[in-house]
């Protein structure tokens, strides 16, 4: 026979795993959102640099047009 406290402790430990998984999922969702925002900021920074240049090469022009289409 087990003492009473062991069953209660075991139940708390099992229910705690579900909470940990939910916390992990929410943290991962926030990190993914943050990563997408950083990627968009990076693309906008590149676009800003290309828009500021006066003489662009053909490849830079292609990148500029692609970023413009993607962002706006």
PDB file of N, CA and C in Angstrom:
ATOM      1  N   UNK A   1       0.838  -1.184   0.000  1.00  0.00           N
ATOM      2  CA  UNK A   1       0.000   0.000   0.000  1.00  0.00           C
ATOM      3  C   UNK A   1       0.882   1.247   0.000  1.00  0.00           C
ATOM      4  N   UNK A   2       0.467   2.197  -0.778  1.00  0.00           N
ATOM      5  CA  UNK A   2       1.173   3.472  -0.822  1.00  0.00           C
ATOM      6  C   UNK A   2       0.557   4.432   0.188  1.00  0.00           C
ATOM      7  N   UNK A   3       1.366   5.313   0.720  1.00  0.00           N
ATOM      8  CA  UNK A   3       0.804   6.358   1.566  1.00  0.00           C
ATOM      9  C   UNK A   3      -0.064   7.295   0.734  1.00  0.00           C
ATOM     10  N   UNK A   4      -0.998   7.988   1.367  1.00  0.00           N
ATOM     11  CA  UNK A   4      -1.944   8.858   0.660  1.00  0.00           C
ATOM     12  C   UNK A   4      -1.258   9.960  -0.149  1.00  0.00           C
ATOM     13  N   UNK A   5      -0.243  10.533   0.381  1.00  0.00           N
ATOM     14  CA  UNK A   5       0.408  11.658  -0.278  1.00  0.00           C
ATOM     15  C   UNK A   5       1.042  11.322  -1.613  1.00  0.00           C
ATOM     16  N   UNK A   6       1.410  10.074  -1.824  1.00  0.00           N
ATOM     17  CA  UNK A   6       2.082   9.693  -3.064  1.00  0.00           C
ATOM     18  C   UNK A   6       1.130   9.799  -4.246  1.00  0.00           C
ATOM     19  N   UNK A   7      -0.106   9.350  -4.089  1.00  0.00           N
ATOM     20  CA  UNK A   7      -1.062   9.450  -5.188  1.00  0.00           C
ATOM     21  C   UNK A   7      -1.327  10.907  -5.543  1.00  0.00           C
ATOM     22  N   UNK A   8      -1.465  11.743  -4.539  1.00  0.00           N
ATOM     23  CA  UNK A   8      -1.732  13.161  -4.791  1.00  0.00           C
ATOM     24  C   UNK A   8      -0.535  13.815  -5.488  1.00  0.00           C
ATOM     25  N   UNK A   9       0.668  13.487  -5.048  1.00  0.00           N
ATOM     26  CA  UNK A   9       1.863  14.056  -5.657  1.00  0.00           C
ATOM     27  C   UNK A   9       1.997  13.596  -7.102  1.00  0.00           C
ATOM     28  N   UNK A  10       1.679  12.338  -7.340  1.00  0.00           N
ATOM     29  CA  UNK A  10       1.764  11.806  -8.688  1.00  0.00           C
ATOM     30  C   UNK A  10       0.737  12.487  -9.601  1.00  0.00           C
ATOM     31  N   UNK A  11      -0.439  12.734  -9.103  1.00  0.00           N
ATOM     32  CA  UNK A  11      -1.477  13.405  -9.890  1.00  0.00           C
ATOM     33  C   UNK A  11      -1.065  14.830 -10.220  1.00  0.00           C
ATOM     34  N   UNK A  12      -0.464  15.533  -9.276  1.00  0.00           N
ATOM     35  CA  UNK A  12       0.003  16.907  -9.530  1.00  0.00           C
ATOM     36  C   UNK A  12       1.096  16.917 -10.591  1.00  0.00           C
ATOM     37  N   UNK A  13       1.987  15.929 -10.516  1.00  0.00           N
ATOM     38  CA  UNK A  13       3.085  15.863 -11.472  1.00  0.00           C
ATOM     39  C   UNK A  13       2.554  15.610 -12.879  1.00  0.00           C
ATOM     40  N   UNK A  14       1.587  14.747 -13.029  1.00  0.00           N
ATOM     41  CA  UNK A  14       1.016  14.439 -14.334  1.00  0.00           C
ATOM     42  C   UNK A  14       0.259  15.647 -14.888  1.00  0.00           C
ATOM     43  N   UNK A  15      -0.541  16.309 -14.057  1.00  0.00           N
ATOM     44  CA  UNK A  15      -1.296  17.467 -14.547  1.00  0.00           C
ATOM     45  C   UNK A  15      -0.352  18.637 -14.850  1.00  0.00           C
ATOM     46  N   UNK A  16       0.765  18.703 -14.193  1.00  0.00           N
ATOM     47  CA  UNK A  16       1.739  19.757 -14.448  1.00  0.00           C
ATOM     48  C   UNK A  16       2.381  19.630 -15.819  1.00  0.00           C
ATOM     49  N   UNK A  17       2.497  18.417 -16.347  1.00  0.00           N
ATOM     50  CA  UNK A  17       3.093  18.214 -17.668  1.00  0.00           C
ATOM     51  C   UNK A  17       2.224  18.838 -18.749  1.00  0.00           C
ATOM     52  N   UNK A  18       0.912  18.759 -18.600  1.00  0.00           N
ATOM     53  CA  UNK A  18       0.001  19.363 -19.574  1.00  0.00           C
ATOM     54  C   UNK A  18       0.162  20.864 -19.607  1.00  0.00           C
ATOM     55  N   UNK A  19       0.329  21.454 -18.448  1.00  0.00           N
ATOM     56  CA  UNK A  19       0.534  22.906 -18.383  1.00  0.00           C
ATOM     57  C   UNK A  19       1.860  23.286 -19.020  1.00  0.00           C
ATOM     58  N   UNK A  20       2.876  22.490 -18.800  1.00  0.00           N
ATOM     59  CA  UNK A  20       4.196  22.775 -19.372  1.00  0.00           C
ATOM     60  C   UNK A  20       4.148  22.703 -20.901  1.00  0.00           C
ATOM     61  N   UNK A  21       3.403  21.756 -21.414  1.00  0.00           N
ATOM     62  CA  UNK A  21       3.285  21.631 -22.866  1.00  0.00           C
ATOM     63  C   UNK A  21       2.553  22.834 -23.436  1.00  0.00           C
ATOM     64  N   UNK A  22       1.502  23.273 -22.781  1.00  0.00           N
ATOM     65  CA  UNK A  22       0.755  24.446 -23.243  1.00  0.00           C
ATOM     66  C   UNK A  22       1.630  25.700 -23.190  1.00  0.00           C
ATOM     67  N   UNK A  23       2.415  25.838 -22.139  1.00  0.00           N
ATOM     68  CA  UNK A  23       3.336  26.973 -22.026  1.00  0.00           C
ATOM     69  C   UNK A  23       4.359  26.937 -23.157  1.00  0.00           C
ATOM     70  N   UNK A  24       4.887  25.757 -23.423  1.00  0.00           N
ATOM     71  CA  UNK A  24       5.871  25.604 -24.493  1.00  0.00           C
ATOM     72  C   UNK A  24       5.271  25.993 -25.835  1.00  0.00           C
ATOM     73  N   UNK A  25       4.036  25.546 -26.094  1.00  0.00           N
ATOM     74  CA  UNK A  25       3.373  25.879 -27.361  1.00  0.00           C
ATOM     75  C   UNK A  25       3.173  27.383 -27.491  1.00  0.00           C
ATOM     76  N   UNK A  26       2.743  28.029 -26.423  1.00  0.00           N
ATOM     77  CA  UNK A  26       2.512  29.475 -26.503  1.00  0.00           C
ATOM     78  C   UNK A  26       3.829  30.230 -26.684  1.00  0.00           C
ATOM     79  N   UNK A  27       4.885  29.770 -26.044  1.00  0.00           N
ATOM     80  CA  UNK A  27       6.192  30.409 -26.204  1.00  0.00           C
ATOM     81  C   UNK A  27       6.685  30.232 -27.635  1.00  0.00           C
ATOM     82  N   UNK A  28       6.501  29.048 -28.204  1.00  0.00           N
ATOM     83  CA  UNK A  28       6.934  28.805 -29.579  1.00  0.00           C
ATOM     84  C   UNK A  28       6.136  29.658 -30.562  1.00  0.00           C
ATOM     85  N   UNK A  29       4.844  29.839 -30.317  1.00  0.00           N
ATOM     86  CA  UNK A  29       4.035  30.702 -31.181  1.00  0.00           C
ATOM     87  C   UNK A  29       4.543  32.138 -31.132  1.00  0.00           C
ATOM     88  N   UNK A  30       4.873  32.622 -29.939  1.00  0.00           N
ATOM     89  CA  UNK A  30       5.400  33.978 -29.801  1.00  0.00           C
ATOM     90  C   UNK A  30       6.746  34.114 -30.511  1.00  0.00           C
ATOM     91  N   UNK A  31       7.589  33.099 -30.398  1.00  0.00           N
ATOM     92  CA  UNK A  31       8.891  33.153 -31.067  1.00  0.00           C
ATOM     93  C   UNK A  31       8.733  33.149 -32.579  1.00  0.00           C
ATOM     94  N   UNK A  32       7.780  32.382 -33.089  1.00  0.00           N
ATOM     95  CA  UNK A  32       7.546  32.344 -34.534  1.00  0.00           C
ATOM     96  C   UNK A  32       7.045  33.700 -35.029  1.00  0.00           C
ATOM     97  N   UNK A  33       6.137  34.321 -34.273  1.00  0.00           N
ATOM     98  CA  UNK A  33       5.661  35.660 -34.630  1.00  0.00           C
ATOM     99  C   UNK A  33       6.819  36.652 -34.650  1.00  0.00           C
ATOM    100  N   UNK A  34       7.656  36.574 -33.629  1.00  0.00           N
ATOM    101  CA  UNK A  34       8.809  37.468 -33.531  1.00  0.00           C
ATOM    102  C   UNK A  34       9.756  37.259 -34.711  1.00  0.00           C
ATOM    103  N   UNK A  35       9.982  36.019 -35.079  1.00  0.00           N
ATOM    104  CA  UNK A  35      10.853  35.708 -36.200  1.00  0.00           C
ATOM    105  C   UNK A  35      10.289  36.259 -37.508  1.00  0.00           C
ATOM    106  N   UNK A  36       8.991  36.140 -37.708  1.00  0.00           N
ATOM    107  CA  UNK A  36       8.371  36.663 -38.927  1.00  0.00           C
ATOM    108  C   UNK A  36       8.471  38.184 -38.968  1.00  0.00           C
ATOM    109  N   UNK A  37       8.287  38.838 -37.825  1.00  0.00           N
ATOM    110  CA  UNK A  37       8.400  40.297 -37.777  1.00  0.00           C
ATOM    111  C   UNK A  37       9.826  40.748 -38.066  1.00  0.00           C
ATOM    112  N   UNK A  38      10.811  40.032 -37.516  1.00  0.00           N
ATOM    113  CA  UNK A  38      12.207  40.368 -37.772  1.00  0.00           C
ATOM    114  C   UNK A  38      12.548  40.194 -39.246  1.00  0.00           C
ATOM    115  N   UNK A  39      12.021  39.142 -39.856  1.00  0.00           N
ATOM    116  CA  UNK A  39      12.274  38.899 -41.275  1.00  0.00           C
ATOM    117  C   UNK A  39      11.688  40.032 -42.124  1.00  0.00           C
ATOM    118  N   UNK A  40      10.482  40.464 -41.774  1.00  0.00           N
ATOM    119  CA  UNK A  40       9.856  41.547 -42.526  1.00  0.00           C
ATOM    120  C   UNK A  40      10.648  42.848 -42.359  1.00  0.00           C
ATOM    121  N   UNK A  41      11.106  43.135 -41.140  1.00  0.00           N
ATOM    122  CA  UNK A  41      11.920  44.327 -40.916  1.00  0.00           C
ATOM    123  C   UNK A  41      13.218  44.278 -41.709  1.00  0.00           C
ATOM    124  N   UNK A  42      13.807  43.108 -41.784  1.00  0.00           N
ATOM    125  CA  UNK A  42      15.042  42.945 -42.549  1.00  0.00           C
ATOM    126  C   UNK A  42      14.798  43.229 -44.029  1.00  0.00           C
ATOM    127  N   UNK A  43      13.695  42.701 -44.553  1.00  0.00           N
ATOM    128  CA  UNK A  43      13.372  42.944 -45.959  1.00  0.00           C
ATOM    129  C   UNK A  43      13.094  44.420 -46.209  1.00  0.00           C
ATOM    130  N   UNK A  44      12.408  45.062 -45.269  1.00  0.00           N
ATOM    131  CA  UNK A  44      12.131  46.488 -45.426  1.00  0.00           C
ATOM    132  C   UNK A  44      13.410  47.318 -45.371  1.00  0.00           C
ATOM    133  N   UNK A  45      14.365  46.906 -44.558  1.00  0.00           N
ATOM    134  CA  UNK A  45      15.642  47.613 -44.481  1.00  0.00           C
ATOM    135  C   UNK A  45      16.401  47.488 -45.806  1.00  0.00           C
ATOM    136  N   UNK A  46      16.382  46.297 -46.389  1.00  0.00           N
ATOM    137  CA  UNK A  46      17.034  46.102 -47.687  1.00  0.00           C
ATOM    138  C   UNK A  46      16.342  46.951 -48.749  1.00  0.00           C
ATOM    139  N   UNK A  47      15.023  46.943 -48.730  1.00  0.00           N
ATOM    140  CA  UNK A  47      14.260  47.736 -49.691  1.00  0.00           C
ATOM    141  C   UNK A  47      14.564  49.222 -49.529  1.00  0.00           C
ATOM    142  N   UNK A  48      14.654  49.676 -48.295  1.00  0.00           N
ATOM    143  CA  UNK A  48      14.975  51.082 -48.028  1.00  0.00           C
ATOM    144  C   UNK A  48      16.340  51.445 -48.608  1.00  0.00           C
ATOM    145  N   UNK A  49      17.297  50.565 -48.439  1.00  0.00           N
ATOM    146  CA  UNK A  49      18.639  50.795 -48.984  1.00  0.00           C
ATOM    147  C   UNK A  49      18.601  50.868 -50.512  1.00  0.00           C
ATOM    148  N   UNK A  50      17.853  49.958 -51.120  1.00  0.00           N
ATOM    149  CA  UNK A  50      17.773  49.946 -52.578  1.00  0.00           C
ATOM    150  C   UNK A  50      17.029  51.165 -53.112  1.00  0.00           C
ATOM    151  N   UNK A  51      16.019  51.613 -52.399  1.00  0.00           N
ATOM    152  CA  UNK A  51      15.277  52.795 -52.839  1.00  0.00           C
ATOM    153  C   UNK A  51      16.118  54.062 -52.719  1.00  0.00           C
ATOM    154  N   UNK A  52      17.052  54.078 -51.785  1.00  0.00           N
ATOM    155  CA  UNK A  52      17.890  55.255 -51.581  1.00  0.00           C
ATOM    156  C   UNK A  52      18.977  55.374 -52.660  1.00  0.00           C
ATOM    157  N   UNK A  53      19.355  54.257 -53.239  1.00  0.00           N
ATOM    158  CA  UNK A  53      20.384  54.276 -54.294  1.00  0.00           C
ATOM    159  C   UNK A  53      19.809  54.875 -55.570  1.00  0.00           C
ATOM    160  N   UNK A  54      20.652  55.600 -56.290  1.00  0.00           N
ATOM    161  CA  UNK A  54      20.211  56.206 -57.547  1.00  0.00           C
ATOM    162  C   UNK A  54      20.471  55.282 -58.731  1.00  0.00           C
ATOM    163  N   UNK A  55      21.666  54.752 -58.812  1.00  0.00           N
ATOM    164  CA  UNK A  55      22.017  53.877 -59.929  1.00  0.00           C
ATOM    165  C   UNK A  55      22.047  52.437 -59.432  1.00  0.00           C
ATOM    166  N   UNK A  56      21.088  51.639 -59.916  1.00  0.00           N
ATOM    167  CA  UNK A  56      21.007  50.238 -59.508  1.00  0.00           C
ATOM    168  C   UNK A  56      21.431  49.331 -60.656  1.00  0.00           C
ATOM    169  N   UNK A  57      22.070  48.243 -60.291  1.00  0.00           N
ATOM    170  CA  UNK A  57      22.387  47.232 -61.305  1.00  0.00           C
ATOM    171  C   UNK A  57      21.099  46.463 -61.616  1.00  0.00           C
ATOM    172  N   UNK A  58      21.171  45.622 -62.635  1.00  0.00           N
ATOM    173  CA  UNK A  58      19.982  44.858 -63.017  1.00  0.00           C
ATOM    174  C   UNK A  58      19.518  43.941 -61.896  1.00  0.00           C
ATOM    175  N   UNK A  59      20.451  43.291 -61.234  1.00  0.00           N
ATOM    176  CA  UNK A  59      20.089  42.367 -60.157  1.00  0.00           C
ATOM    177  C   UNK A  59      19.478  43.118 -58.976  1.00  0.00           C
ATOM    178  N   UNK A  60      20.017  44.284 -58.670  1.00  0.00           N
ATOM    179  CA  UNK A  60      19.447  45.091 -57.584  1.00  0.00           C
ATOM    180  C   UNK A  60      18.037  45.568 -57.939  1.00  0.00           C
ATOM    181  N   UNK A  61      17.832  45.892 -59.197  1.00  0.00           N
ATOM    182  CA  UNK A  61      16.512  46.318 -59.662  1.00  0.00           C
ATOM    183  C   UNK A  61      15.495  45.179 -59.523  1.00  0.00           C
ATOM    184  N   UNK A  62      15.936  43.975 -59.859  1.00  0.00           N
ATOM    185  CA  UNK A  62      15.066  42.803 -59.740  1.00  0.00           C
ATOM    186  C   UNK A  62      14.697  42.576 -58.276  1.00  0.00           C
ATOM    187  N   UNK A  63      15.683  42.653 -57.398  1.00  0.00           N
ATOM    188  CA  UNK A  63      15.439  42.460 -55.960  1.00  0.00           C
ATOM    189  C   UNK A  63      14.493  43.541 -55.441  1.00  0.00           C
ATOM    190  N   UNK A  64      14.719  44.777 -55.858  1.00  0.00           N
ATOM    191  CA  UNK A  64      13.863  45.882 -55.432  1.00  0.00           C
ATOM    192  C   UNK A  64      12.416  45.639 -55.848  1.00  0.00           C
ATOM    193  N   UNK A  65      12.219  45.257 -57.094  1.00  0.00           N
ATOM    194  CA  UNK A  65      10.860  45.007 -57.583  1.00  0.00           C
ATOM    195  C   UNK A  65      10.204  43.832 -56.868  1.00  0.00           C
ATOM    196  N   UNK A  66      10.993  42.798 -56.591  1.00  0.00           N
ATOM    197  CA  UNK A  66      10.467  41.632 -55.877  1.00  0.00           C
ATOM    198  C   UNK A  66      10.046  42.018 -54.455  1.00  0.00           C
ATOM    199  N   UNK A  67      10.879  42.780 -53.770  1.00  0.00           N
ATOM    200  CA  UNK A  67      10.555  43.202 -52.404  1.00  0.00           C
ATOM    201  C   UNK A  67       9.353  44.137 -52.382  1.00  0.00           C
ATOM    202  N   UNK A  68       9.257  45.014 -53.364  1.00  0.00           N
ATOM    203  CA  UNK A  68       8.095  45.907 -53.449  1.00  0.00           C
ATOM    204  C   UNK A  68       6.807  45.102 -53.627  1.00  0.00           C
ATOM    205  N   UNK A  69       6.853  44.115 -54.491  1.00  0.00           N
ATOM    206  CA  UNK A  69       5.670  43.285 -54.730  1.00  0.00           C
ATOM    207  C   UNK A  69       5.305  42.475 -53.487  1.00  0.00           C
ATOM    208  N   UNK A  70       6.319  42.003 -52.788  1.00  0.00           N
ATOM    209  CA  UNK A  70       6.087  41.164 -51.607  1.00  0.00           C
ATOM    210  C   UNK A  70       5.563  41.964 -50.413  1.00  0.00           C
ATOM    211  N   UNK A  71       6.089  43.156 -50.231  1.00  0.00           N
ATOM    212  CA  UNK A  71       5.737  43.955 -49.047  1.00  0.00           C
ATOM    213  C   UNK A  71       4.475  44.794 -49.238  1.00  0.00           C
ATOM    214  N   UNK A  72       4.213  45.204 -50.472  1.00  0.00           N
ATOM    215  CA  UNK A  72       3.081  46.121 -50.671  1.00  0.00           C
ATOM    216  C   UNK A  72       2.130  45.599 -51.678  1.00  0.00           C
TER     217      UNK A  72
END
